[in-house]
C-alpha atoms as a PDB file:
ATOM      1  CA  MET A   1     134.617-141.444   1.862  1.00  0.00           C
ATOM      2  CA  THR A   2     131.201-140.266   2.998  1.00  0.00           C
ATOM      3  CA  LEU A   3     129.507-141.617   6.127  1.00  0.00           C
ATOM      4  CA  SER A   4     125.881-141.406   7.171  1.00  0.00           C
ATOM      5  CA  PRO A   5     125.728-141.562  10.997  1.00  0.00           C
ATOM      6  CA  SER A   6     122.298-143.165  10.906  1.00  0.00           C
ATOM      7  CA  LYS A   7     123.653-146.088   8.862  1.00  0.00           C
ATOM      8  CA  GLU A   8     126.936-146.746  10.657  1.00  0.00           C
ATOM      9  CA  LYS A   9     127.757-148.665  13.809  1.00  0.00           C
ATOM     10  CA  THR A  10     128.230-146.354  16.781  1.00  0.00           C
ATOM     11  CA  SER A  11     131.693-147.787  17.455  1.00  0.00           C
ATOM     12  CA  LEU A  12     132.844-146.980  13.904  1.00  0.00           C
ATOM     13  CA  LEU A  13     131.407-143.458  13.945  1.00  0.00           C
ATOM     14  CA  HIS A  14     132.948-142.879  17.374  1.00  0.00           C
ATOM     15  CA  ARG A  15     136.370-143.881  16.062  1.00  0.00           C
ATOM     16  CA  TYR A  16     136.164-141.465  13.123  1.00  0.00           C
ATOM     17  CA  LEU A  17     134.871-138.648  15.336  1.00  0.00           C
ATOM     18  CA  LEU A  18     137.740-138.949  17.798  1.00  0.00           C
ATOM     19  CA  ALA A  19     140.348-139.023  15.031  1.00  0.00           C
ATOM     20  CA  SER A  20     138.929-136.048  13.124  1.00  0.00           C
ATOM     21  CA  VAL A  21     137.786-133.714  15.934  1.00  0.00           C
ATOM     22  CA  ALA A  22     141.181-133.314  17.574  1.00  0.00           C
ATOM     23  CA  PRO A  23     143.194-132.367  19.504  1.00  0.00           C
ATOM     24  CA  ARG A  24     140.772-132.144  22.418  1.00  0.00           C
ATOM     25  CA  PRO A  25     141.654-130.785  25.894  1.00  0.00           C
ATOM     26  CA  ILE A  26     141.300-133.218  28.771  1.00  0.00           C
ATOM     27  CA  ALA A  27     139.153-132.739  31.862  1.00  0.00           C
ATOM     28  CA  LEU A  28     140.377-134.931  34.696  1.00  0.00           C
ATOM     29  CA  ALA A  29     137.128-134.868  36.666  1.00  0.00           C
ATOM     30  CA  SER A  30     137.025-135.657  40.377  1.00  0.00           C
ATOM     31  CA  THR A  31     133.662-136.333  42.018  1.00  0.00           C
ATOM     32  CA  VAL A  32     132.230-137.960  45.119  1.00  0.00           C
ATOM     33  CA  ASP A  33     129.078-139.998  45.626  1.00  0.00           C
ATOM     34  CA  LYS A  34     126.438-139.198  48.241  1.00  0.00           C
ATOM     35  CA  ASP A  35     128.520-141.035  50.851  1.00  0.00           C
ATOM     36  CA  GLY A  36     131.687-139.074  50.072  1.00  0.00           C
ATOM     37  CA  ASN A  37     133.562-141.811  48.183  1.00  0.00           C
ATOM     38  CA  PRO A  38     135.870-140.169  45.584  1.00  0.00           C
ATOM     39  CA  ASN A  39     136.088-140.976  41.890  1.00  0.00           C
ATOM     40  CA  LEU A  40     138.580-139.726  39.304  1.00  0.00           C
ATOM     41  CA  SER A  41     138.246-140.067  35.529  1.00  0.00           C
ATOM     42  CA  PRO A  42     139.411-138.194  32.376  1.00  0.00           C
ATOM     43  CA  PHE A  43     137.118-136.907  29.610  1.00  0.00           C
ATOM     44  CA  SER A  44     138.152-135.377  26.298  1.00  0.00           C
ATOM     45  CA  PHE A  45     134.708-134.177  25.253  1.00  0.00           C
ATOM     46  CA  PHE A  46     135.529-130.980  27.139  1.00  0.00           C
ATOM     47  CA  ASN A  47     136.024-127.235  26.696  1.00  0.00           C
ATOM     48  CA  ALA A  48     135.382-123.737  28.077  1.00  0.00           C
ATOM     49  CA  PHE A  49     132.230-121.990  26.831  1.00  0.00           C
ATOM     50  CA  SER A  50     131.807-118.759  28.785  1.00  0.00           C
ATOM     51  CA  ALA A  51     133.756-116.288  30.919  1.00  0.00           C
ATOM     52  CA  LYS A  52     130.854-114.503  32.649  1.00  0.00           C
ATOM     53  CA  PRO A  53     129.501-116.669  34.060  1.00  0.00           C
ATOM     54  CA  PRO A  54     132.639-118.853  33.893  1.00  0.00           C
ATOM     55  CA  ILE A  55     131.396-122.095  32.364  1.00  0.00           C
ATOM     56  CA  LEU A  56     133.125-125.382  31.551  1.00  0.00           C
ATOM     57  CA  VAL A  57     131.323-128.235  29.815  1.00  0.00           C
ATOM     58  CA  PHE A  58     132.336-131.871  29.581  1.00  0.00           C
ATOM     59  CA  SER A  59     130.430-134.928  28.465  1.00  0.00           C
ATOM     60  CA  PRO A  60     130.555-138.388  30.065  1.00  0.00           C
ATOM     61  CA  ALA A  61     129.007-140.530  27.328  1.00  0.00           C
ATOM     62  CA  ARG A  62     126.941-143.627  27.964  1.00  0.00           C
ATOM     63  CA  ARG A  63     129.093-146.722  27.454  1.00  0.00           C
ATOM     64  CA  VAL A  64     128.756-148.020  23.905  1.00  0.00           C
ATOM     65  CA  ARG A  65     129.149-151.690  24.812  1.00  0.00           C
ATOM     66  CA  ASP A  66     126.358-151.949  27.416  1.00  0.00           C
ATOM     67  CA  ASN A  67     124.650-148.504  27.533  1.00  0.00           C
ATOM     68  CA  THR A  68     125.493-147.941  31.213  1.00  0.00           C
ATOM     69  CA  LEU A  69     126.338-144.645  32.910  1.00  0.00           C
ATOM     70  CA  LYS A  70     129.834-143.818  34.087  1.00  0.00           C
ATOM     71  CA  HIS A  71     130.458-143.392  37.814  1.00  0.00           C
ATOM     72  CA  THR A  72     131.368-139.731  37.294  1.00  0.00           C
ATOM     73  CA  LEU A  73     127.911-138.968  35.932  1.00  0.00           C
ATOM     74  CA  GLU A  74     126.183-140.992  38.645  1.00  0.00           C
ATOM     75  CA  ASN A  75     128.066-138.998  41.284  1.00  0.00           C
ATOM     76  CA  ILE A  76     127.202-135.693  39.622  1.00  0.00           C
ATOM     77  CA  TYR A  77     123.499-136.552  39.713  1.00  0.00           C
ATOM     78  CA  GLU A  78     123.883-137.272  43.440  1.00  0.00           C
ATOM     79  CA  THR A  79     125.972-134.250  44.503  1.00  0.00           C
ATOM     80  CA  ARG A  80     125.876-131.660  41.647  1.00  0.00           C
ATOM     81  CA  GLU A  81     129.577-130.852  42.216  1.00  0.00           C
ATOM     82  CA  VAL A  82     132.825-131.597  40.366  1.00  0.00           C
ATOM     83  CA  VAL A  83     136.450-130.523  40.244  1.00  0.00           C
ATOM     84  CA  ILE A  84     137.948-130.328  36.770  1.00  0.00           C
ATOM     85  CA  ASN A  85     141.713-130.777  36.865  1.00  0.00           C
ATOM     86  CA  THR A  86     143.841-129.930  33.813  1.00  0.00           C
ATOM     87  CA  VAL A  87     146.286-132.515  32.499  1.00  0.00           C
ATOM     88  CA  ASN A  88     149.893-131.778  31.574  1.00  0.00           C
ATOM     89  CA  TYR A  89     152.666-133.981  30.218  1.00  0.00           C
ATOM     90  CA  GLU A  90     154.017-134.871  33.667  1.00  0.00           C
ATOM     91  CA  LEU A  91     150.857-136.693  34.707  1.00  0.00           C
ATOM     92  CA  VAL A  92     149.467-137.994  31.388  1.00  0.00           C
ATOM     93  CA  HIS A  93     150.179-141.669  32.151  1.00  0.00           C
ATOM     94  CA  GLN A  94     148.651-141.418  35.615  1.00  0.00           C
ATOM     95  CA  CYS A  95     145.650-139.703  34.058  1.00  0.00           C
ATOM     96  CA  SER A  96     145.326-142.546  31.549  1.00  0.00           C
ATOM     97  CA  LEU A  97     145.499-145.103  34.357  1.00  0.00           C
ATOM     98  CA  SER A  98     142.614-143.381  36.122  1.00  0.00           C
ATOM     99  CA  SER A  99     140.410-144.095  33.080  1.00  0.00           C
ATOM    100  CA  THR A 100     140.515-147.822  33.877  1.00  0.00           C
ATOM    101  CA  GLU A 101     137.031-149.258  34.430  1.00  0.00           C
ATOM    102  CA  TYR A 102     137.478-150.063  38.111  1.00  0.00           C
ATOM    103  CA  PRO A 103     134.395-151.233  40.045  1.00  0.00           C
ATOM    104  CA  LYS A 104     132.287-148.576  41.758  1.00  0.00           C
ATOM    105  CA  GLY A 105     133.762-147.581  45.102  1.00  0.00           C
ATOM    106  CA  ILE A 106     137.382-147.997  44.029  1.00  0.00           C
ATOM    107  CA  ASN A 107     139.391-144.805  44.592  1.00  0.00           C
ATOM    108  CA  GLU A 108     141.194-143.919  41.326  1.00  0.00           C
ATOM    109  CA  PHE A 109     143.353-141.437  43.231  1.00  0.00           C
ATOM    110  CA  LEU A 110     144.993-144.426  44.926  1.00  0.00           C
ATOM    111  CA  LYS A 111     145.151-146.513  41.752  1.00  0.00           C
ATOM    112  CA  SER A 112     146.753-143.729  39.709  1.00  0.00           C
ATOM    113  CA  GLY A 113     149.055-142.498  42.467  1.00  0.00           C
ATOM    114  CA  LEU A 114     147.751-138.944  42.179  1.00  0.00           C
ATOM    115  CA  THR A 115     147.523-136.869  45.350  1.00  0.00           C
ATOM    116  CA  GLN A 116     144.086-136.097  46.752  1.00  0.00           C
ATOM    117  CA  ILE A 117     143.827-132.645  48.392  1.00  0.00           C
ATOM    118  CA  PRO A 118     140.701-130.963  49.810  1.00  0.00           C
ATOM    119  CA  SER A 119     138.760-128.361  47.904  1.00  0.00           C
ATOM    120  CA  LEU A 120     137.603-125.124  49.512  1.00  0.00           C
ATOM    121  CA  GLU A 121     134.064-124.714  48.144  1.00  0.00           C
ATOM    122  CA  VAL A 122     132.974-128.198  47.002  1.00  0.00           C
ATOM    123  CA  LYS A 123     133.133-131.736  48.387  1.00  0.00           C
ATOM    124  CA  PRO A 124     135.113-133.475  45.587  1.00  0.00           C
ATOM    125  CA  PRO A 125     138.889-133.346  46.162  1.00  0.00           C
ATOM    126  CA  ARG A 126     141.413-131.765  43.811  1.00  0.00           C
ATOM    127  CA  VAL A 127     144.427-133.360  42.101  1.00  0.00           C
ATOM    128  CA  LYS A 128     147.509-131.782  43.653  1.00  0.00           C
ATOM    129  CA  GLU A 129     149.712-132.504  40.624  1.00  0.00           C
ATOM    130  CA  SER A 130     147.351-130.773  38.191  1.00  0.00           C
ATOM    131  CA  PRO A 131     148.634-127.315  37.147  1.00  0.00           C
ATOM    132  CA  VAL A 132     145.144-125.752  37.169  1.00  0.00           C
ATOM    133  CA  GLN A 133     142.122-126.977  39.140  1.00  0.00           C
ATOM    134  CA  PHE A 134     138.548-125.711  38.829  1.00  0.00           C
ATOM    135  CA  GLU A 135     136.101-126.178  41.696  1.00  0.00           C
ATOM    136  CA  CYS A 136     132.660-126.221  40.095  1.00  0.00           C
ATOM    137  CA  LYS A 137     128.990-126.513  40.845  1.00  0.00           C
ATOM    138  CA  VAL A 138     126.901-128.304  38.230  1.00  0.00           C
ATOM    139  CA  ASN A 139     124.224-126.015  36.838  1.00  0.00           C
ATOM    140  CA  GLN A 140     122.673-128.464  34.416  1.00  0.00           C
ATOM    141  CA  VAL A 141     123.037-131.883  32.816  1.00  0.00           C
ATOM    142  CA  ILE A 142     121.692-132.171  29.286  1.00  0.00           C
ATOM    143  CA  GLU A 143     121.088-135.754  28.186  1.00  0.00           C
ATOM    144  CA  LEU A 144     121.695-136.056  24.433  1.00  0.00           C
ATOM    145  CA  GLY A 145     120.203-139.509  24.046  1.00  0.00           C
ATOM    146  CA  LYS A 146     119.366-142.805  25.693  1.00  0.00           C
ATOM    147  CA  GLU A 147     121.427-145.225  23.591  1.00  0.00           C
ATOM    148  CA  GLY A 148     125.024-146.340  24.038  1.00  0.00           C
ATOM    149  CA  GLY A 149     127.403-143.574  22.951  1.00  0.00           C
ATOM    150  CA  ALA A 150     125.001-140.750  23.825  1.00  0.00           C
ATOM    151  CA  GLY A 151     126.655-137.826  25.546  1.00  0.00           C
ATOM    152  CA  ASN A 152     125.576-135.982  28.667  1.00  0.00           C
ATOM    153  CA  LEU A 153     126.568-132.330  28.697  1.00  0.00           C
ATOM    154  CA  VAL A 154     127.619-131.432  32.231  1.00  0.00           C
ATOM    155  CA  ILE A 155     127.452-127.633  32.439  1.00  0.00           C
ATOM    156  CA  CYS A 156     129.742-126.520  35.252  1.00  0.00           C
ATOM    157  CA  GLU A 157     130.080-123.069  36.780  1.00  0.00           C
ATOM    158  CA  ILE A 158     133.515-122.311  38.197  1.00  0.00           C
ATOM    159  CA  LEU A 159     133.464-121.289  41.857  1.00  0.00           C
ATOM    160  CA  LEU A 160     137.213-121.272  42.449  1.00  0.00           C
ATOM    161  CA  MET A 161     140.224-121.610  40.150  1.00  0.00           C
ATOM    162  CA  HIS A 162     143.566-122.798  41.562  1.00  0.00           C
ATOM    163  CA  ILE A 163     146.690-122.061  39.479  1.00  0.00           C
ATOM    164  CA  SER A 164     150.123-123.463  40.351  1.00  0.00           C
ATOM    165  CA  ASP A 165     152.650-120.663  40.791  1.00  0.00           C
ATOM    166  CA  HIS A 166     155.373-122.536  38.899  1.00  0.00           C
ATOM    167  CA  ILE A 167     153.491-122.257  35.566  1.00  0.00           C
ATOM    168  CA  LEU A 168     153.292-118.435  35.719  1.00  0.00           C
ATOM    169  CA  ASP A 169     155.628-116.061  33.916  1.00  0.00           C
ATOM    170  CA  GLU A 170     157.114-112.865  35.343  1.00  0.00           C
ATOM    171  CA  LYS A 171     153.926-110.943  34.481  1.00  0.00           C
ATOM    172  CA  GLY A 172     151.682-113.400  36.303  1.00  0.00           C
ATOM    173  CA  ASN A 173     150.300-114.967  33.106  1.00  0.00           C
ATOM    174  CA  ILE A 174     150.169-118.692  32.449  1.00  0.00           C
ATOM    175  CA  ASP A 175     153.217-119.673  30.393  1.00  0.00           C
ATOM    176  CA  THR A 176     152.129-122.054  27.628  1.00  0.00           C
ATOM    177  CA  HIS A 177     155.401-123.977  27.742  1.00  0.00           C
ATOM    178  CA  LYS A 178     155.513-124.208  31.533  1.00  0.00           C
ATOM    179  CA  ILE A 179     151.965-125.524  31.833  1.00  0.00           C
ATOM    180  CA  ASP A 180     152.866-128.098  29.132  1.00  0.00           C
ATOM    181  CA  LEU A 181     149.305-129.303  28.532  1.00  0.00           C
ATOM    182  CA  VAL A 182     148.426-132.457  26.632  1.00  0.00           C
ATOM    183  CA  SER A 183     145.372-133.150  24.512  1.00  0.00           C
ATOM    184  CA  ARG A 184     143.615-136.200  23.165  1.00  0.00           C
ATOM    185  CA  MET A 185     143.758-137.385  19.569  1.00  0.00           C
ATOM    186  CA  GLY A 186     142.182-140.458  17.996  1.00  0.00           C
ATOM    187  CA  TYR A 187     143.070-144.054  18.908  1.00  0.00           C
ATOM    188  CA  ASP A 188     145.768-144.135  21.657  1.00  0.00           C
ATOM    189  CA  LEU A 189     147.388-140.887  20.538  1.00  0.00           C
ATOM    190  CA  TYR A 190     147.980-137.681  22.477  1.00  0.00           C
ATOM    191  CA  CYS A 191     149.380-134.268  21.549  1.00  0.00           C
ATOM    192  CA  ARG A 192     151.783-132.199  23.635  1.00  0.00           C
ATOM    193  CA  ALA A 193     151.024-128.468  23.453  1.00  0.00           C
ATOM    194  CA  SER A 194     154.483-127.015  24.008  1.00  0.00           C
ATOM    195  CA  GLY A 195     157.823-126.598  22.256  1.00  0.00           C
ATOM    196  CA  THR A 196     157.837-126.440  18.469  1.00  0.00           C
ATOM    197  CA  ALA A 197     154.228-127.700  18.345  1.00  0.00           C
ATOM    198  CA  VAL A 198     153.110-124.238  19.486  1.00  0.00           C
ATOM    199  CA  PHE A 199     153.013-121.428  16.919  1.00  0.00           C
ATOM    200  CA  GLU A 200     151.490-117.956  16.745  1.00  0.00           C
ATOM    201  CA  VAL A 201     148.823-116.670  14.358  1.00  0.00           C
ATOM    202  CA  PRO A 202     147.979-113.015  15.126  1.00  0.00           C
ATOM    203  CA  LYS A 203     144.224-112.415  15.265  1.00  0.00           C
ATOM    204  CA  PRO A 204     142.978-109.706  12.849  1.00  0.00           C
ATOM    205  CA  LEU A 205     140.740-108.113  15.491  1.00  0.00           C
ATOM    206  CA  THR A 206     141.840-104.502  15.063  1.00  0.00           C
ATOM    207  CA  THR A 207     142.891-104.675  11.412  1.00  0.00           C
ATOM    208  CA  LEU A 208     140.996-105.119   8.167  1.00  0.00           C
ATOM    209  CA  GLY A 209     142.932-107.239   5.692  1.00  0.00           C
ATOM    210  CA  ILE A 210     142.471-106.733   1.962  1.00  0.00           C
ATOM    211  CA  GLY A 211     141.468-110.394   1.553  1.00  0.00           C
ATOM    212  CA  ILE A 212     142.782-113.057  -0.803  1.00  0.00           C
ATOM    213  CA  ASP A 213     140.209-111.968  -3.406  1.00  0.00           C
ATOM    214  CA  GLN A 214     142.092-108.678  -3.840  1.00  0.00           C
ATOM    215  CA  LEU A 215     145.362-110.397  -4.763  1.00  0.00           C
ATOM    216  CA  PRO A 216     146.187-110.592  -8.480  1.00  0.00           C
ATOM    217  CA  LEU A 217     145.094-113.837 -10.127  1.00  0.00           C
ATOM    218  CA  ALA A 218     148.697-114.795 -10.882  1.00  0.00           C
ATOM    219  CA  ILE A 219     149.406-114.782  -7.152  1.00  0.00           C
ATOM    220  CA  ARG A 220     146.180-116.530  -6.123  1.00  0.00           C
ATOM    221  CA  ASN A 221     146.827-119.347  -8.629  1.00  0.00           C
ATOM    222  CA  SER A 222     150.425-119.874  -7.529  1.00  0.00           C
ATOM    223  CA  ASP A 223     151.736-123.452  -7.580  1.00  0.00           C
ATOM    224  CA  ILE A 224     154.256-122.514  -4.892  1.00  0.00           C
ATOM    225  CA  LEU A 225     152.387-120.378  -2.379  1.00  0.00           C
ATOM    226  CA  SER A 226     150.181-122.370  -0.010  1.00  0.00           C
ATOM    227  CA  GLY A 227     146.769-121.444   1.331  1.00  0.00           C
ATOM    228  CA  ASN A 228     148.467-120.332   4.548  1.00  0.00           C
ATOM    229  CA  ASP A 229     150.820-118.115   2.533  1.00  0.00           C
ATOM    230  CA  LEU A 230     147.908-116.544   0.673  1.00  0.00           C
ATOM    231  CA  GLY A 231     146.045-116.074   3.947  1.00  0.00           C
ATOM    232  CA  GLN A 232     148.918-114.008   5.307  1.00  0.00           C
ATOM    233  CA  LEU A 233     149.195-111.974   2.110  1.00  0.00           C
ATOM    234  CA  GLY A 234     145.451-111.315   2.252  1.00  0.00           C
ATOM    235  CA  ASN A 235     145.847-110.037   5.806  1.00  0.00           C
ATOM    236  CA  VAL A 236     147.853-106.946   4.809  1.00  0.00           C
ATOM    237  CA  GLU A 237     145.765-103.844   5.411  1.00  0.00           C
ATOM    238  CA  THR A 238     146.445-101.955   2.172  1.00  0.00           C
ATOM    239  CA  ILE A 239     147.621-102.809  -1.321  1.00  0.00           C
ATOM    240  CA  PRO A 240     151.207-101.528  -1.770  1.00  0.00           C
ATOM    241  CA  THR A 241     151.517 -98.251  -3.645  1.00  0.00           C
ATOM    242  CA  GLU A 242     153.479 -97.789  -6.880  1.00  0.00           C
ATOM    243  CA  ASP A 243     156.164 -95.912  -4.926  1.00  0.00           C
ATOM    244  CA  GLU A 244     156.522 -98.805  -2.473  1.00  0.00           C
ATOM    245  CA  ILE A 245     156.881-101.239  -5.341  1.00  0.00           C
ATOM    246  CA  LYS A 246     159.535 -99.111  -7.104  1.00  0.00           C
ATOM    247  CA  ASN A 247     161.512 -98.405  -3.929  1.00  0.00           C
ATOM    248  CA  PHE A 248     161.536-102.079  -2.935  1.00  0.00           C
ATOM    249  CA  MET A 249     163.103-102.934  -6.290  1.00  0.00           C
ATOM    250  CA  LYS A 250     165.920-100.501  -5.534  1.00  0.00           C
ATOM    251  CA  THR A 251     166.635-101.808  -2.022  1.00  0.00           C
ATOM    252  CA  SER A 252     166.014-105.563  -2.283  1.00  0.00           C
ATOM    253  CA  GLU A 253     169.218-107.265  -3.404  1.00  0.00           C
ATOM    254  CA  PRO A 254     167.582-110.736  -3.733  1.00  0.00           C
ATOM    255  CA  LEU A 255     164.882-109.333  -6.014  1.00  0.00           C
ATOM    256  CA  LYS A 256     167.393-107.360  -8.134  1.00  0.00           C
ATOM    257  CA  ASN A 257     169.465-110.528  -8.517  1.00  0.00           C
ATOM    258  CA  LEU A 258     166.400-112.418  -9.769  1.00  0.00           C
ATOM    259  CA  PHE A 259     165.675-109.798 -12.400  1.00  0.00           C
ATOM    260  CA  GLN A 260     169.287-109.817 -13.561  1.00  0.00           C
ATOM    261  CA  LYS A 261     169.567-113.614 -13.652  1.00  0.00           C
ATOM    262  CA  PHE A 262     166.239-114.352 -15.338  1.00  0.00           C
ATOM    263  CA  SER A 263     165.672-111.226 -17.401  1.00  0.00           C
ATOM    264  CA  ASN A 264     165.134-113.361 -20.501  1.00  0.00           C
ATOM    265  CA  ASP A 265     163.117-116.125 -18.829  1.00  0.00           C
ATOM    266  CA  THR A 266     159.806-114.786 -17.501  1.00  0.00           C
ATOM    267  CA  VAL A 267     158.546-118.239 -16.490  1.00  0.00           C
ATOM    268  CA  GLN A 268     161.553-118.925 -14.282  1.00  0.00           C
ATOM    269  CA  LEU A 269     161.485-115.348 -12.960  1.00  0.00           C
ATOM    270  CA  LYS A 270     157.898-115.837 -11.796  1.00  0.00           C
ATOM    271  CA  LYS A 271     158.757-119.154 -10.154  1.00  0.00           C
ATOM    272  CA  GLU A 272     161.794-117.754  -8.347  1.00  0.00           C
ATOM    273  CA  SER A 273     159.873-114.675  -7.194  1.00  0.00           C
ATOM    274  CA  HIS A 274     157.216-116.916  -5.637  1.00  0.00           C
ATOM    275  CA  LEU A 275     159.912-118.930  -3.888  1.00  0.00           C
ATOM    276  CA  LEU A 276     161.436-115.705  -2.582  1.00  0.00           C
ATOM    277  CA  ALA A 277     158.021-114.509  -1.404  1.00  0.00           C
ATOM    278  CA  LYS A 278     157.438-117.791   0.400  1.00  0.00           C
ATOM    279  CA  GLU A 279     160.738-117.385   2.260  1.00  0.00           C
ATOM    280  CA  LEU A 280     159.933-113.779   3.182  1.00  0.00           C
ATOM    281  CA  ILE A 281     156.535-114.844   4.525  1.00  0.00           C
ATOM    282  CA  LYS A 282     158.265-117.517   6.598  1.00  0.00           C
ATOM    283  CA  GLN A 283     160.442-114.754   8.080  1.00  0.00           C
ATOM    284  CA  GLY A 284     157.372-112.663   8.905  1.00  0.00           C
ATOM    285  CA  LYS A 285     158.056-110.119   6.151  1.00  0.00           C
ATOM    286  CA  VAL A 286     154.627-110.443   4.590  1.00  0.00           C
ATOM    287  CA  ARG A 287     154.269-106.976   3.109  1.00  0.00           C
ATOM    288  CA  GLU A 288     157.746-107.211   1.559  1.00  0.00           C
ATOM    289  CA  ALA A 289     156.735-110.544   0.024  1.00  0.00           C
ATOM    290  CA  LEU A 290     153.665-109.004  -1.583  1.00  0.00           C
ATOM    291  CA  ILE A 291     155.622-106.024  -2.885  1.00  0.00           C
ATOM    292  CA  GLY A 292     158.183-108.353  -4.429  1.00  0.00           C
ATOM    293  CA  LEU A 293     155.474-110.356  -6.175  1.00  0.00           C
ATOM    294  CA  LEU A 294     153.856-107.188  -7.522  1.00  0.00           C
ATOM    295  CA  ASN A 295     157.234-106.049  -8.864  1.00  0.00           C
ATOM    296  CA  VAL A 296     157.382-109.110 -11.095  1.00  0.00           C
ATOM    297  CA  LEU A 297     153.821-108.513 -12.301  1.00  0.00           C
ATOM    298  CA  ALA A 298     154.428-104.799 -12.969  1.00  0.00           C
END
């Protein structure tokens, strides 16, 4: 399928965008109008873009159905302040309820049952239940269009950041599983960023991997090793030496067993060695996996 945005209905393009650009963090934005009336609404066109200055950006889009502005954006134009509250699993349904299109002047804090507490630097209140709350001034609003569906980039500078003590670990860092954030997917779907959904991929910031292009063709063209497997093999810093390869053959019982069992069947030996390498990679023994593969090719 190939879509041309200029030829598609905005509603259709919007649906595909939300399902493909995901998961997206949620900004539960609290604002007030010029008279001090509070408003609360979630937005998933949201992220952090700078640490110095500390900048968050979210985008209240113009309504597709009638091209009107959302109350959050109207309030921001009036006051140039906002509190962005993070959303975790414990309050996701209350957050969703606050997205209801209530008439202007209705307090979504009351409708959603979330607790309104005063901020220290800005007029909009904070959400007490939110694990992290950012008091922000609005530096700029960039209008991306005038038609229904057009976004409005609200560039917010953080003045104060409030972090709930119960989500911190013993070192004072935010514990990913304690904060238990949720994110937005397409349709009515959400994603919970904790438990087995969270996994680690070490960043190669201080190392220089050999790259997948330096792996032998027989490994790169494997029918068993996935792209993720090859990516980890390509992240080793040096190609194993001949001594490493020979010594591994002497110490690795699984590899010795493969050579003994399939000494007369090179096709099956290659297949089994790739399966063994895949298991070693799964265990985090990436270099051992590569050495085992090179033993079979030697």
